[in-house]
Amino acid sequence: DKNVDWFSTQLQATCNVHQSFFND
């Protein structure tokens, strides 16, 4: 934990996966 602001912490740790009917 580097005590980065909350918003940046969330973005650094998450990624999306391609949207499709099956993936959803």
PDBML (XML) file of the C-alpha atoms, coordinates in Angstrom:
<?xml version="1.0" encoding="UTF-8" ?>
<PDBx:datablock datablockName="MODEL"
   xmlns:PDBx="http://pdbml.pdb.org/schema/pdbx-v50.xsd"
   xmlns:xsi="http://www.w3.org/2001/XMLSchema-instance"
   xsi:schemaLocation="http://pdbml.pdb.org/schema/pdbx-v50.xsd pdbx-v50.xsd">
   <PDBx:atom_siteCategory>
      <PDBx:atom_site id="1">
         <PDBx:B_iso_or_equiv>0.00</PDBx:B_iso_or_equiv>
         <PDBx:Cartn_x>0.000</PDBx:Cartn_x>
         <PDBx:Cartn_y>0.000</PDBx:Cartn_y>
         <PDBx:Cartn_z>0.000</PDBx:Cartn_z>
         <PDBx:auth_asym_id>A</PDBx:auth_asym_id>
         <PDBx:auth_atom_id>CA</PDBx:auth_atom_id>
         <PDBx:auth_comp_id>ASP</PDBx:auth_comp_id>
         <PDBx:auth_seq_id>1</PDBx:auth_seq_id>
         <PDBx:group_PDB>ATOM</PDBx:group_PDB>
         <PDBx:label_alt_id xsi:nil="true" />
         <PDBx:label_asym_id>A</PDBx:label_asym_id>
         <PDBx:label_atom_id>CA</PDBx:label_atom_id>
         <PDBx:label_comp_id>ASP</PDBx:label_comp_id>
         <PDBx:label_entity_id>1</PDBx:label_entity_id>
         <PDBx:label_seq_id>1</PDBx:label_seq_id>
         <PDBx:occupancy>1.00</PDBx:occupancy>
         <PDBx:pdbx_PDB_model_num>1</PDBx:pdbx_PDB_model_num>
         <PDBx:type_symbol>C</PDBx:type_symbol>
      </PDBx:atom_site>
      <PDBx:atom_site id="2">
         <PDBx:B_iso_or_equiv>0.00</PDBx:B_iso_or_equiv>
         <PDBx:Cartn_x>1.537</PDBx:Cartn_x>
         <PDBx:Cartn_y>3.299</PDBx:Cartn_y>
         <PDBx:Cartn_z>-1.151</PDBx:Cartn_z>
         <PDBx:auth_asym_id>A</PDBx:auth_asym_id>
         <PDBx:auth_atom_id>CA</PDBx:auth_atom_id>
         <PDBx:auth_comp_id>LYS</PDBx:auth_comp_id>
         <PDBx:auth_seq_id>2</PDBx:auth_seq_id>
         <PDBx:group_PDB>ATOM</PDBx:group_PDB>
         <PDBx:label_alt_id xsi:nil="true" />
         <PDBx:label_asym_id>A</PDBx:label_asym_id>
         <PDBx:label_atom_id>CA</PDBx:label_atom_id>
         <PDBx:label_comp_id>LYS</PDBx:label_comp_id>
         <PDBx:label_entity_id>1</PDBx:label_entity_id>
         <PDBx:label_seq_id>2</PDBx:label_seq_id>
         <PDBx:occupancy>1.00</PDBx:occupancy>
         <PDBx:pdbx_PDB_model_num>1</PDBx:pdbx_PDB_model_num>
         <PDBx:type_symbol>C</PDBx:type_symbol>
      </PDBx:atom_site>
      <PDBx:atom_site id="3">
         <PDBx:B_iso_or_equiv>0.00</PDBx:B_iso_or_equiv>
         <PDBx:Cartn_x>-1.338</PDBx:Cartn_x>
         <PDBx:Cartn_y>5.395</PDBx:Cartn_y>
         <PDBx:Cartn_z>0.227</PDBx:Cartn_z>
         <PDBx:auth_asym_id>A</PDBx:auth_asym_id>
         <PDBx:auth_atom_id>CA</PDBx:auth_atom_id>
         <PDBx:auth_comp_id>ASN</PDBx:auth_comp_id>
         <PDBx:auth_seq_id>3</PDBx:auth_seq_id>
         <PDBx:group_PDB>ATOM</PDBx:group_PDB>
         <PDBx:label_alt_id xsi:nil="true" />
         <PDBx:label_asym_id>A</PDBx:label_asym_id>
         <PDBx:label_atom_id>CA</PDBx:label_atom_id>
         <PDBx:label_comp_id>ASN</PDBx:label_comp_id>
         <PDBx:label_entity_id>1</PDBx:label_entity_id>
         <PDBx:label_seq_id>3</PDBx:label_seq_id>
         <PDBx:occupancy>1.00</PDBx:occupancy>
         <PDBx:pdbx_PDB_model_num>1</PDBx:pdbx_PDB_model_num>
         <PDBx:type_symbol>C</PDBx:type_symbol>
      </PDBx:atom_site>
      <PDBx:atom_site id="4">
         <PDBx:B_iso_or_equiv>0.00</PDBx:B_iso_or_equiv>
         <PDBx:Cartn_x>-2.279</PDBx:Cartn_x>
         <PDBx:Cartn_y>6.556</PDBx:Cartn_y>
         <PDBx:Cartn_z>-3.249</PDBx:Cartn_z>
         <PDBx:auth_asym_id>A</PDBx:auth_asym_id>
         <PDBx:auth_atom_id>CA</PDBx:auth_atom_id>
         <PDBx:auth_comp_id>VAL</PDBx:auth_comp_id>
         <PDBx:auth_seq_id>4</PDBx:auth_seq_id>
         <PDBx:group_PDB>ATOM</PDBx:group_PDB>
         <PDBx:label_alt_id xsi:nil="true" />
         <PDBx:label_asym_id>A</PDBx:label_asym_id>
         <PDBx:label_atom_id>CA</PDBx:label_atom_id>
         <PDBx:label_comp_id>VAL</PDBx:label_comp_id>
         <PDBx:label_entity_id>1</PDBx:label_entity_id>
         <PDBx:label_seq_id>4</PDBx:label_seq_id>
         <PDBx:occupancy>1.00</PDBx:occupancy>
         <PDBx:pdbx_PDB_model_num>1</PDBx:pdbx_PDB_model_num>
         <PDBx:type_symbol>C</PDBx:type_symbol>
      </PDBx:atom_site>
      <PDBx:atom_site id="5">
         <PDBx:B_iso_or_equiv>0.00</PDBx:B_iso_or_equiv>
         <PDBx:Cartn_x>-5.600</PDBx:Cartn_x>
         <PDBx:Cartn_y>8.361</PDBx:Cartn_y>
         <PDBx:Cartn_z>-3.541</PDBx:Cartn_z>
         <PDBx:auth_asym_id>A</PDBx:auth_asym_id>
         <PDBx:auth_atom_id>CA</PDBx:auth_atom_id>
         <PDBx:auth_comp_id>ASP</PDBx:auth_comp_id>
         <PDBx:auth_seq_id>5</PDBx:auth_seq_id>
         <PDBx:group_PDB>ATOM</PDBx:group_PDB>
         <PDBx:label_alt_id xsi:nil="true" />
         <PDBx:label_asym_id>A</PDBx:label_asym_id>
         <PDBx:label_atom_id>CA</PDBx:label_atom_id>
         <PDBx:label_comp_id>ASP</PDBx:label_comp_id>
         <PDBx:label_entity_id>1</PDBx:label_entity_id>
         <PDBx:label_seq_id>5</PDBx:label_seq_id>
         <PDBx:occupancy>1.00</PDBx:occupancy>
         <PDBx:pdbx_PDB_model_num>1</PDBx:pdbx_PDB_model_num>
         <PDBx:type_symbol>C</PDBx:type_symbol>
      </PDBx:atom_site>
      <PDBx:atom_site id="6">
         <PDBx:B_iso_or_equiv>0.00</PDBx:B_iso_or_equiv>
         <PDBx:Cartn_x>-8.685</PDBx:Cartn_x>
         <PDBx:Cartn_y>6.114</PDBx:Cartn_y>
         <PDBx:Cartn_z>-3.641</PDBx:Cartn_z>
         <PDBx:auth_asym_id>A</PDBx:auth_asym_id>
         <PDBx:auth_atom_id>CA</PDBx:auth_atom_id>
         <PDBx:auth_comp_id>TRP</PDBx:auth_comp_id>
         <PDBx:auth_seq_id>6</PDBx:auth_seq_id>
         <PDBx:group_PDB>ATOM</PDBx:group_PDB>
         <PDBx:label_alt_id xsi:nil="true" />
         <PDBx:label_asym_id>A</PDBx:label_asym_id>
         <PDBx:label_atom_id>CA</PDBx:label_atom_id>
         <PDBx:label_comp_id>TRP</PDBx:label_comp_id>
         <PDBx:label_entity_id>1</PDBx:label_entity_id>
         <PDBx:label_seq_id>6</PDBx:label_seq_id>
         <PDBx:occupancy>1.00</PDBx:occupancy>
         <PDBx:pdbx_PDB_model_num>1</PDBx:pdbx_PDB_model_num>
         <PDBx:type_symbol>C</PDBx:type_symbol>
      </PDBx:atom_site>
      <PDBx:atom_site id="7">
         <PDBx:B_iso_or_equiv>0.00</PDBx:B_iso_or_equiv>
         <PDBx:Cartn_x>-9.586</PDBx:Cartn_x>
         <PDBx:Cartn_y>6.806</PDBx:Cartn_y>
         <PDBx:Cartn_z>-7.281</PDBx:Cartn_z>
         <PDBx:auth_asym_id>A</PDBx:auth_asym_id>
         <PDBx:auth_atom_id>CA</PDBx:auth_atom_id>
         <PDBx:auth_comp_id>PHE</PDBx:auth_comp_id>
         <PDBx:auth_seq_id>7</PDBx:auth_seq_id>
         <PDBx:group_PDB>ATOM</PDBx:group_PDB>
         <PDBx:label_alt_id xsi:nil="true" />
         <PDBx:label_asym_id>A</PDBx:label_asym_id>
         <PDBx:label_atom_id>CA</PDBx:label_atom_id>
         <PDBx:label_comp_id>PHE</PDBx:label_comp_id>
         <PDBx:label_entity_id>1</PDBx:label_entity_id>
         <PDBx:label_seq_id>7</PDBx:label_seq_id>
         <PDBx:occupancy>1.00</PDBx:occupancy>
         <PDBx:pdbx_PDB_model_num>1</PDBx:pdbx_PDB_model_num>
         <PDBx:type_symbol>C</PDBx:type_symbol>
      </PDBx:atom_site>
      <PDBx:atom_site id="8">
         <PDBx:B_iso_or_equiv>0.00</PDBx:B_iso_or_equiv>
         <PDBx:Cartn_x>-6.102</PDBx:Cartn_x>
         <PDBx:Cartn_y>5.971</PDBx:Cartn_y>
         <PDBx:Cartn_z>-8.600</PDBx:Cartn_z>
         <PDBx:auth_asym_id>A</PDBx:auth_asym_id>
         <PDBx:auth_atom_id>CA</PDBx:auth_atom_id>
         <PDBx:auth_comp_id>SER</PDBx:auth_comp_id>
         <PDBx:auth_seq_id>8</PDBx:auth_seq_id>
         <PDBx:group_PDB>ATOM</PDBx:group_PDB>
         <PDBx:label_alt_id xsi:nil="true" />
         <PDBx:label_asym_id>A</PDBx:label_asym_id>
         <PDBx:label_atom_id>CA</PDBx:label_atom_id>
         <PDBx:label_comp_id>SER</PDBx:label_comp_id>
         <PDBx:label_entity_id>1</PDBx:label_entity_id>
         <PDBx:label_seq_id>8</PDBx:label_seq_id>
         <PDBx:occupancy>1.00</PDBx:occupancy>
         <PDBx:pdbx_PDB_model_num>1</PDBx:pdbx_PDB_model_num>
         <PDBx:type_symbol>C</PDBx:type_symbol>
      </PDBx:atom_site>
      <PDBx:atom_site id="9">
         <PDBx:B_iso_or_equiv>0.00</PDBx:B_iso_or_equiv>
         <PDBx:Cartn_x>-5.904</PDBx:Cartn_x>
         <PDBx:Cartn_y>2.886</PDBx:Cartn_y>
         <PDBx:Cartn_z>-6.365</PDBx:Cartn_z>
         <PDBx:auth_asym_id>A</PDBx:auth_asym_id>
         <PDBx:auth_atom_id>CA</PDBx:auth_atom_id>
         <PDBx:auth_comp_id>THR</PDBx:auth_comp_id>
         <PDBx:auth_seq_id>9</PDBx:auth_seq_id>
         <PDBx:group_PDB>ATOM</PDBx:group_PDB>
         <PDBx:label_alt_id xsi:nil="true" />
         <PDBx:label_asym_id>A</PDBx:label_asym_id>
         <PDBx:label_atom_id>CA</PDBx:label_atom_id>
         <PDBx:label_comp_id>THR</PDBx:label_comp_id>
         <PDBx:label_entity_id>1</PDBx:label_entity_id>
         <PDBx:label_seq_id>9</PDBx:label_seq_id>
         <PDBx:occupancy>1.00</PDBx:occupancy>
         <PDBx:pdbx_PDB_model_num>1</PDBx:pdbx_PDB_model_num>
         <PDBx:type_symbol>C</PDBx:type_symbol>
      </PDBx:atom_site>
      <PDBx:atom_site id="10">
         <PDBx:B_iso_or_equiv>0.00</PDBx:B_iso_or_equiv>
         <PDBx:Cartn_x>-9.058</PDBx:Cartn_x>
         <PDBx:Cartn_y>1.473</PDBx:Cartn_y>
         <PDBx:Cartn_z>-7.945</PDBx:Cartn_z>
         <PDBx:auth_asym_id>A</PDBx:auth_asym_id>
         <PDBx:auth_atom_id>CA</PDBx:auth_atom_id>
         <PDBx:auth_comp_id>GLN</PDBx:auth_comp_id>
         <PDBx:auth_seq_id>10</PDBx:auth_seq_id>
         <PDBx:group_PDB>ATOM</PDBx:group_PDB>
         <PDBx:label_alt_id xsi:nil="true" />
         <PDBx:label_asym_id>A</PDBx:label_asym_id>
         <PDBx:label_atom_id>CA</PDBx:label_atom_id>
         <PDBx:label_comp_id>GLN</PDBx:label_comp_id>
         <PDBx:label_entity_id>1</PDBx:label_entity_id>
         <PDBx:label_seq_id>10</PDBx:label_seq_id>
         <PDBx:occupancy>1.00</PDBx:occupancy>
         <PDBx:pdbx_PDB_model_num>1</PDBx:pdbx_PDB_model_num>
         <PDBx:type_symbol>C</PDBx:type_symbol>
      </PDBx:atom_site>
      <PDBx:atom_site id="11">
         <PDBx:B_iso_or_equiv>0.00</PDBx:B_iso_or_equiv>
         <PDBx:Cartn_x>-7.877</PDBx:Cartn_x>
         <PDBx:Cartn_y>2.140</PDBx:Cartn_y>
         <PDBx:Cartn_z>-11.504</PDBx:Cartn_z>
         <PDBx:auth_asym_id>A</PDBx:auth_asym_id>
         <PDBx:auth_atom_id>CA</PDBx:auth_atom_id>
         <PDBx:auth_comp_id>LEU</PDBx:auth_comp_id>
         <PDBx:auth_seq_id>11</PDBx:auth_seq_id>
         <PDBx:group_PDB>ATOM</PDBx:group_PDB>
         <PDBx:label_alt_id xsi:nil="true" />
         <PDBx:label_asym_id>A</PDBx:label_asym_id>
         <PDBx:label_atom_id>CA</PDBx:label_atom_id>
         <PDBx:label_comp_id>LEU</PDBx:label_comp_id>
         <PDBx:label_entity_id>1</PDBx:label_entity_id>
         <PDBx:label_seq_id>11</PDBx:label_seq_id>
         <PDBx:occupancy>1.00</PDBx:occupancy>
         <PDBx:pdbx_PDB_model_num>1</PDBx:pdbx_PDB_model_num>
         <PDBx:type_symbol>C</PDBx:type_symbol>
      </PDBx:atom_site>
      <PDBx:atom_site id="12">
         <PDBx:B_iso_or_equiv>0.00</PDBx:B_iso_or_equiv>
         <PDBx:Cartn_x>-4.414</PDBx:Cartn_x>
         <PDBx:Cartn_y>0.658</PDBx:Cartn_y>
         <PDBx:Cartn_z>-10.967</PDBx:Cartn_z>
         <PDBx:auth_asym_id>A</PDBx:auth_asym_id>
         <PDBx:auth_atom_id>CA</PDBx:auth_atom_id>
         <PDBx:auth_comp_id>GLN</PDBx:auth_comp_id>
         <PDBx:auth_seq_id>12</PDBx:auth_seq_id>
         <PDBx:group_PDB>ATOM</PDBx:group_PDB>
         <PDBx:label_alt_id xsi:nil="true" />
         <PDBx:label_asym_id>A</PDBx:label_asym_id>
         <PDBx:label_atom_id>CA</PDBx:label_atom_id>
         <PDBx:label_comp_id>GLN</PDBx:label_comp_id>
         <PDBx:label_entity_id>1</PDBx:label_entity_id>
         <PDBx:label_seq_id>12</PDBx:label_seq_id>
         <PDBx:occupancy>1.00</PDBx:occupancy>
         <PDBx:pdbx_PDB_model_num>1</PDBx:pdbx_PDB_model_num>
         <PDBx:type_symbol>C</PDBx:type_symbol>
      </PDBx:atom_site>
      <PDBx:atom_site id="13">
         <PDBx:B_iso_or_equiv>0.00</PDBx:B_iso_or_equiv>
         <PDBx:Cartn_x>-5.884</PDBx:Cartn_x>
         <PDBx:Cartn_y>-2.617</PDBx:Cartn_y>
         <PDBx:Cartn_z>-9.707</PDBx:Cartn_z>
         <PDBx:auth_asym_id>A</PDBx:auth_asym_id>
         <PDBx:auth_atom_id>CA</PDBx:auth_atom_id>
         <PDBx:auth_comp_id>ALA</PDBx:auth_comp_id>
         <PDBx:auth_seq_id>13</PDBx:auth_seq_id>
         <PDBx:group_PDB>ATOM</PDBx:group_PDB>
         <PDBx:label_alt_id xsi:nil="true" />
         <PDBx:label_asym_id>A</PDBx:label_asym_id>
         <PDBx:label_atom_id>CA</PDBx:label_atom_id>
         <PDBx:label_comp_id>ALA</PDBx:label_comp_id>
         <PDBx:label_entity_id>1</PDBx:label_entity_id>
         <PDBx:label_seq_id>13</PDBx:label_seq_id>
         <PDBx:occupancy>1.00</PDBx:occupancy>
         <PDBx:pdbx_PDB_model_num>1</PDBx:pdbx_PDB_model_num>
         <PDBx:type_symbol>C</PDBx:type_symbol>
      </PDBx:atom_site>
      <PDBx:atom_site id="14">
         <PDBx:B_iso_or_equiv>0.00</PDBx:B_iso_or_equiv>
         <PDBx:Cartn_x>-8.713</PDBx:Cartn_x>
         <PDBx:Cartn_y>-3.273</PDBx:Cartn_y>
         <PDBx:Cartn_z>-12.175</PDBx:Cartn_z>
         <PDBx:auth_asym_id>A</PDBx:auth_asym_id>
         <PDBx:auth_atom_id>CA</PDBx:auth_atom_id>
         <PDBx:auth_comp_id>THR</PDBx:auth_comp_id>
         <PDBx:auth_seq_id>14</PDBx:auth_seq_id>
         <PDBx:group_PDB>ATOM</PDBx:group_PDB>
         <PDBx:label_alt_id xsi:nil="true" />
         <PDBx:label_asym_id>A</PDBx:label_asym_id>
         <PDBx:label_atom_id>CA</PDBx:label_atom_id>
         <PDBx:label_comp_id>THR</PDBx:label_comp_id>
         <PDBx:label_entity_id>1</PDBx:label_entity_id>
         <PDBx:label_seq_id>14</PDBx:label_seq_id>
         <PDBx:occupancy>1.00</PDBx:occupancy>
         <PDBx:pdbx_PDB_model_num>1</PDBx:pdbx_PDB_model_num>
         <PDBx:type_symbol>C</PDBx:type_symbol>
      </PDBx:atom_site>
      <PDBx:atom_site id="15">
         <PDBx:B_iso_or_equiv>0.00</PDBx:B_iso_or_equiv>
         <PDBx:Cartn_x>-9.162</PDBx:Cartn_x>
         <PDBx:Cartn_y>-4.034</PDBx:Cartn_y>
         <PDBx:Cartn_z>-15.846</PDBx:Cartn_z>
         <PDBx:auth_asym_id>A</PDBx:auth_asym_id>
         <PDBx:auth_atom_id>CA</PDBx:auth_atom_id>
         <PDBx:auth_comp_id>CYS</PDBx:auth_comp_id>
         <PDBx:auth_seq_id>15</PDBx:auth_seq_id>
         <PDBx:group_PDB>ATOM</PDBx:group_PDB>
         <PDBx:label_alt_id xsi:nil="true" />
         <PDBx:label_asym_id>A</PDBx:label_asym_id>
         <PDBx:label_atom_id>CA</PDBx:label_atom_id>
         <PDBx:label_comp_id>CYS</PDBx:label_comp_id>
         <PDBx:label_entity_id>1</PDBx:label_entity_id>
         <PDBx:label_seq_id>15</PDBx:label_seq_id>
         <PDBx:occupancy>1.00</PDBx:occupancy>
         <PDBx:pdbx_PDB_model_num>1</PDBx:pdbx_PDB_model_num>
         <PDBx:type_symbol>C</PDBx:type_symbol>
      </PDBx:atom_site>
      <PDBx:atom_site id="16">
         <PDBx:B_iso_or_equiv>0.00</PDBx:B_iso_or_equiv>
         <PDBx:Cartn_x>-12.154</PDBx:Cartn_x>
         <PDBx:Cartn_y>-4.848</PDBx:Cartn_y>
         <PDBx:Cartn_z>-18.007</PDBx:Cartn_z>
         <PDBx:auth_asym_id>A</PDBx:auth_asym_id>
         <PDBx:auth_atom_id>CA</PDBx:auth_atom_id>
         <PDBx:auth_comp_id>ASN</PDBx:auth_comp_id>
         <PDBx:auth_seq_id>16</PDBx:auth_seq_id>
         <PDBx:group_PDB>ATOM</PDBx:group_PDB>
         <PDBx:label_alt_id xsi:nil="true" />
         <PDBx:label_asym_id>A</PDBx:label_asym_id>
         <PDBx:label_atom_id>CA</PDBx:label_atom_id>
         <PDBx:label_comp_id>ASN</PDBx:label_comp_id>
         <PDBx:label_entity_id>1</PDBx:label_entity_id>
         <PDBx:label_seq_id>16</PDBx:label_seq_id>
         <PDBx:occupancy>1.00</PDBx:occupancy>
         <PDBx:pdbx_PDB_model_num>1</PDBx:pdbx_PDB_model_num>
         <PDBx:type_symbol>C</PDBx:type_symbol>
      </PDBx:atom_site>
      <PDBx:atom_site id="17">
         <PDBx:B_iso_or_equiv>0.00</PDBx:B_iso_or_equiv>
         <PDBx:Cartn_x>-12.765</PDBx:Cartn_x>
         <PDBx:Cartn_y>-7.910</PDBx:Cartn_y>
         <PDBx:Cartn_z>-20.145</PDBx:Cartn_z>
         <PDBx:auth_asym_id>A</PDBx:auth_asym_id>
         <PDBx:auth_atom_id>CA</PDBx:auth_atom_id>
         <PDBx:auth_comp_id>VAL</PDBx:auth_comp_id>
         <PDBx:auth_seq_id>17</PDBx:auth_seq_id>
         <PDBx:group_PDB>ATOM</PDBx:group_PDB>
         <PDBx:label_alt_id xsi:nil="true" />
         <PDBx:label_asym_id>A</PDBx:label_asym_id>
         <PDBx:label_atom_id>CA</PDBx:label_atom_id>
         <PDBx:label_comp_id>VAL</PDBx:label_comp_id>
         <PDBx:label_entity_id>1</PDBx:label_entity_id>
         <PDBx:label_seq_id>17</PDBx:label_seq_id>
         <PDBx:occupancy>1.00</PDBx:occupancy>
         <PDBx:pdbx_PDB_model_num>1</PDBx:pdbx_PDB_model_num>
         <PDBx:type_symbol>C</PDBx:type_symbol>
      </PDBx:atom_site>
      <PDBx:atom_site id="18">
         <PDBx:B_iso_or_equiv>0.00</PDBx:B_iso_or_equiv>
         <PDBx:Cartn_x>-14.385</PDBx:Cartn_x>
         <PDBx:Cartn_y>-7.781</PDBx:Cartn_y>
         <PDBx:Cartn_z>-23.577</PDBx:Cartn_z>
         <PDBx:auth_asym_id>A</PDBx:auth_asym_id>
         <PDBx:auth_atom_id>CA</PDBx:auth_atom_id>
         <PDBx:auth_comp_id>HIS</PDBx:auth_comp_id>
         <PDBx:auth_seq_id>18</PDBx:auth_seq_id>
         <PDBx:group_PDB>ATOM</PDBx:group_PDB>
         <PDBx:label_alt_id xsi:nil="true" />
         <PDBx:label_asym_id>A</PDBx:label_asym_id>
         <PDBx:label_atom_id>CA</PDBx:label_atom_id>
         <PDBx:label_comp_id>HIS</PDBx:label_comp_id>
         <PDBx:label_entity_id>1</PDBx:label_entity_id>
         <PDBx:label_seq_id>18</PDBx:label_seq_id>
         <PDBx:occupancy>1.00</PDBx:occupancy>
         <PDBx:pdbx_PDB_model_num>1</PDBx:pdbx_PDB_model_num>
         <PDBx:type_symbol>C</PDBx:type_symbol>
      </PDBx:atom_site>
      <PDBx:atom_site id="19">
         <PDBx:B_iso_or_equiv>0.00</PDBx:B_iso_or_equiv>
         <PDBx:Cartn_x>-18.145</PDBx:Cartn_x>
         <PDBx:Cartn_y>-7.339</PDBx:Cartn_y>
         <PDBx:Cartn_z>-23.495</PDBx:Cartn_z>
         <PDBx:auth_asym_id>A</PDBx:auth_asym_id>
         <PDBx:auth_atom_id>CA</PDBx:auth_atom_id>
         <PDBx:auth_comp_id>GLN</PDBx:auth_comp_id>
         <PDBx:auth_seq_id>19</PDBx:auth_seq_id>
         <PDBx:group_PDB>ATOM</PDBx:group_PDB>
         <PDBx:label_alt_id xsi:nil="true" />
         <PDBx:label_asym_id>A</PDBx:label_asym_id>
         <PDBx:label_atom_id>CA</PDBx:label_atom_id>
         <PDBx:label_comp_id>GLN</PDBx:label_comp_id>
         <PDBx:label_entity_id>1</PDBx:label_entity_id>
         <PDBx:label_seq_id>19</PDBx:label_seq_id>
         <PDBx:occupancy>1.00</PDBx:occupancy>
         <PDBx:pdbx_PDB_model_num>1</PDBx:pdbx_PDB_model_num>
         <PDBx:type_symbol>C</PDBx:type_symbol>
      </PDBx:atom_site>
      <PDBx:atom_site id="20">
         <PDBx:B_iso_or_equiv>0.00</PDBx:B_iso_or_equiv>
         <PDBx:Cartn_x>-20.342</PDBx:Cartn_x>
         <PDBx:Cartn_y>-9.982</PDBx:Cartn_y>
         <PDBx:Cartn_z>-25.062</PDBx:Cartn_z>
         <PDBx:auth_asym_id>A</PDBx:auth_asym_id>
         <PDBx:auth_atom_id>CA</PDBx:auth_atom_id>
         <PDBx:auth_comp_id>SER</PDBx:auth_comp_id>
         <PDBx:auth_seq_id>20</PDBx:auth_seq_id>
         <PDBx:group_PDB>ATOM</PDBx:group_PDB>
         <PDBx:label_alt_id xsi:nil="true" />
         <PDBx:label_asym_id>A</PDBx:label_asym_id>
         <PDBx:label_atom_id>CA</PDBx:label_atom_id>
         <PDBx:label_comp_id>SER</PDBx:label_comp_id>
         <PDBx:label_entity_id>1</PDBx:label_entity_id>
         <PDBx:label_seq_id>20</PDBx:label_seq_id>
         <PDBx:occupancy>1.00</PDBx:occupancy>
         <PDBx:pdbx_PDB_model_num>1</PDBx:pdbx_PDB_model_num>
         <PDBx:type_symbol>C</PDBx:type_symbol>
      </PDBx:atom_site>
      <PDBx:atom_site id="21">
         <PDBx:B_iso_or_equiv>0.00</PDBx:B_iso_or_equiv>
         <PDBx:Cartn_x>-23.635</PDBx:Cartn_x>
         <PDBx:Cartn_y>-11.606</PDBx:Cartn_y>
         <PDBx:Cartn_z>-24.153</PDBx:Cartn_z>
         <PDBx:auth_asym_id>A</PDBx:auth_asym_id>
         <PDBx:auth_atom_id>CA</PDBx:auth_atom_id>
         <PDBx:auth_comp_id>PHE</PDBx:auth_comp_id>
         <PDBx:auth_seq_id>21</PDBx:auth_seq_id>
         <PDBx:group_PDB>ATOM</PDBx:group_PDB>
         <PDBx:label_alt_id xsi:nil="true" />
         <PDBx:label_asym_id>A</PDBx:label_asym_id>
         <PDBx:label_atom_id>CA</PDBx:label_atom_id>
         <PDBx:label_comp_id>PHE</PDBx:label_comp_id>
         <PDBx:label_entity_id>1</PDBx:label_entity_id>
         <PDBx:label_seq_id>21</PDBx:label_seq_id>
         <PDBx:occupancy>1.00</PDBx:occupancy>
         <PDBx:pdbx_PDB_model_num>1</PDBx:pdbx_PDB_model_num>
         <PDBx:type_symbol>C</PDBx:type_symbol>
      </PDBx:atom_site>
      <PDBx:atom_site id="22">
         <PDBx:B_iso_or_equiv>0.00</PDBx:B_iso_or_equiv>
         <PDBx:Cartn_x>-21.748</PDBx:Cartn_x>
         <PDBx:Cartn_y>-14.678</PDBx:Cartn_y>
         <PDBx:Cartn_z>-22.924</PDBx:Cartn_z>
         <PDBx:auth_asym_id>A</PDBx:auth_asym_id>
         <PDBx:auth_atom_id>CA</PDBx:auth_atom_id>
         <PDBx:auth_comp_id>PHE</PDBx:auth_comp_id>
         <PDBx:auth_seq_id>22</PDBx:auth_seq_id>
         <PDBx:group_PDB>ATOM</PDBx:group_PDB>
         <PDBx:label_alt_id xsi:nil="true" />
         <PDBx:label_asym_id>A</PDBx:label_asym_id>
         <PDBx:label_atom_id>CA</PDBx:label_atom_id>
         <PDBx:label_comp_id>PHE</PDBx:label_comp_id>
         <PDBx:label_entity_id>1</PDBx:label_entity_id>
         <PDBx:label_seq_id>22</PDBx:label_seq_id>
         <PDBx:occupancy>1.00</PDBx:occupancy>
         <PDBx:pdbx_PDB_model_num>1</PDBx:pdbx_PDB_model_num>
         <PDBx:type_symbol>C</PDBx:type_symbol>
      </PDBx:atom_site>
      <PDBx:atom_site id="23">
         <PDBx:B_iso_or_equiv>0.00</PDBx:B_iso_or_equiv>
         <PDBx:Cartn_x>-19.094</PDBx:Cartn_x>
         <PDBx:Cartn_y>-12.755</PDBx:Cartn_y>
         <PDBx:Cartn_z>-20.975</PDBx:Cartn_z>
         <PDBx:auth_asym_id>A</PDBx:auth_asym_id>
         <PDBx:auth_atom_id>CA</PDBx:auth_atom_id>
         <PDBx:auth_comp_id>ASN</PDBx:auth_comp_id>
         <PDBx:auth_seq_id>23</PDBx:auth_seq_id>
         <PDBx:group_PDB>ATOM</PDBx:group_PDB>
         <PDBx:label_alt_id xsi:nil="true" />
         <PDBx:label_asym_id>A</PDBx:label_asym_id>
         <PDBx:label_atom_id>CA</PDBx:label_atom_id>
         <PDBx:label_comp_id>ASN</PDBx:label_comp_id>
         <PDBx:label_entity_id>1</PDBx:label_entity_id>
         <PDBx:label_seq_id>23</PDBx:label_seq_id>
         <PDBx:occupancy>1.00</PDBx:occupancy>
         <PDBx:pdbx_PDB_model_num>1</PDBx:pdbx_PDB_model_num>
         <PDBx:type_symbol>C</PDBx:type_symbol>
      </PDBx:atom_site>
      <PDBx:atom_site id="24">
         <PDBx:B_iso_or_equiv>0.00</PDBx:B_iso_or_equiv>
         <PDBx:Cartn_x>-21.729</PDBx:Cartn_x>
         <PDBx:Cartn_y>-10.599</PDBx:Cartn_y>
         <PDBx:Cartn_z>-19.276</PDBx:Cartn_z>
         <PDBx:auth_asym_id>A</PDBx:auth_asym_id>
         <PDBx:auth_atom_id>CA</PDBx:auth_atom_id>
         <PDBx:auth_comp_id>ASP</PDBx:auth_comp_id>
         <PDBx:auth_seq_id>24</PDBx:auth_seq_id>
         <PDBx:group_PDB>ATOM</PDBx:group_PDB>
         <PDBx:label_alt_id xsi:nil="true" />
         <PDBx:label_asym_id>A</PDBx:label_asym_id>
         <PDBx:label_atom_id>CA</PDBx:label_atom_id>
         <PDBx:label_comp_id>ASP</PDBx:label_comp_id>
         <PDBx:label_entity_id>1</PDBx:label_entity_id>
         <PDBx:label_seq_id>24</PDBx:label_seq_id>
         <PDBx:occupancy>1.00</PDBx:occupancy>
         <PDBx:pdbx_PDB_model_num>1</PDBx:pdbx_PDB_model_num>
         <PDBx:type_symbol>C</PDBx:type_symbol>
      </PDBx:atom_site>
   </PDBx:atom_siteCategory>
</PDBx:datablock>
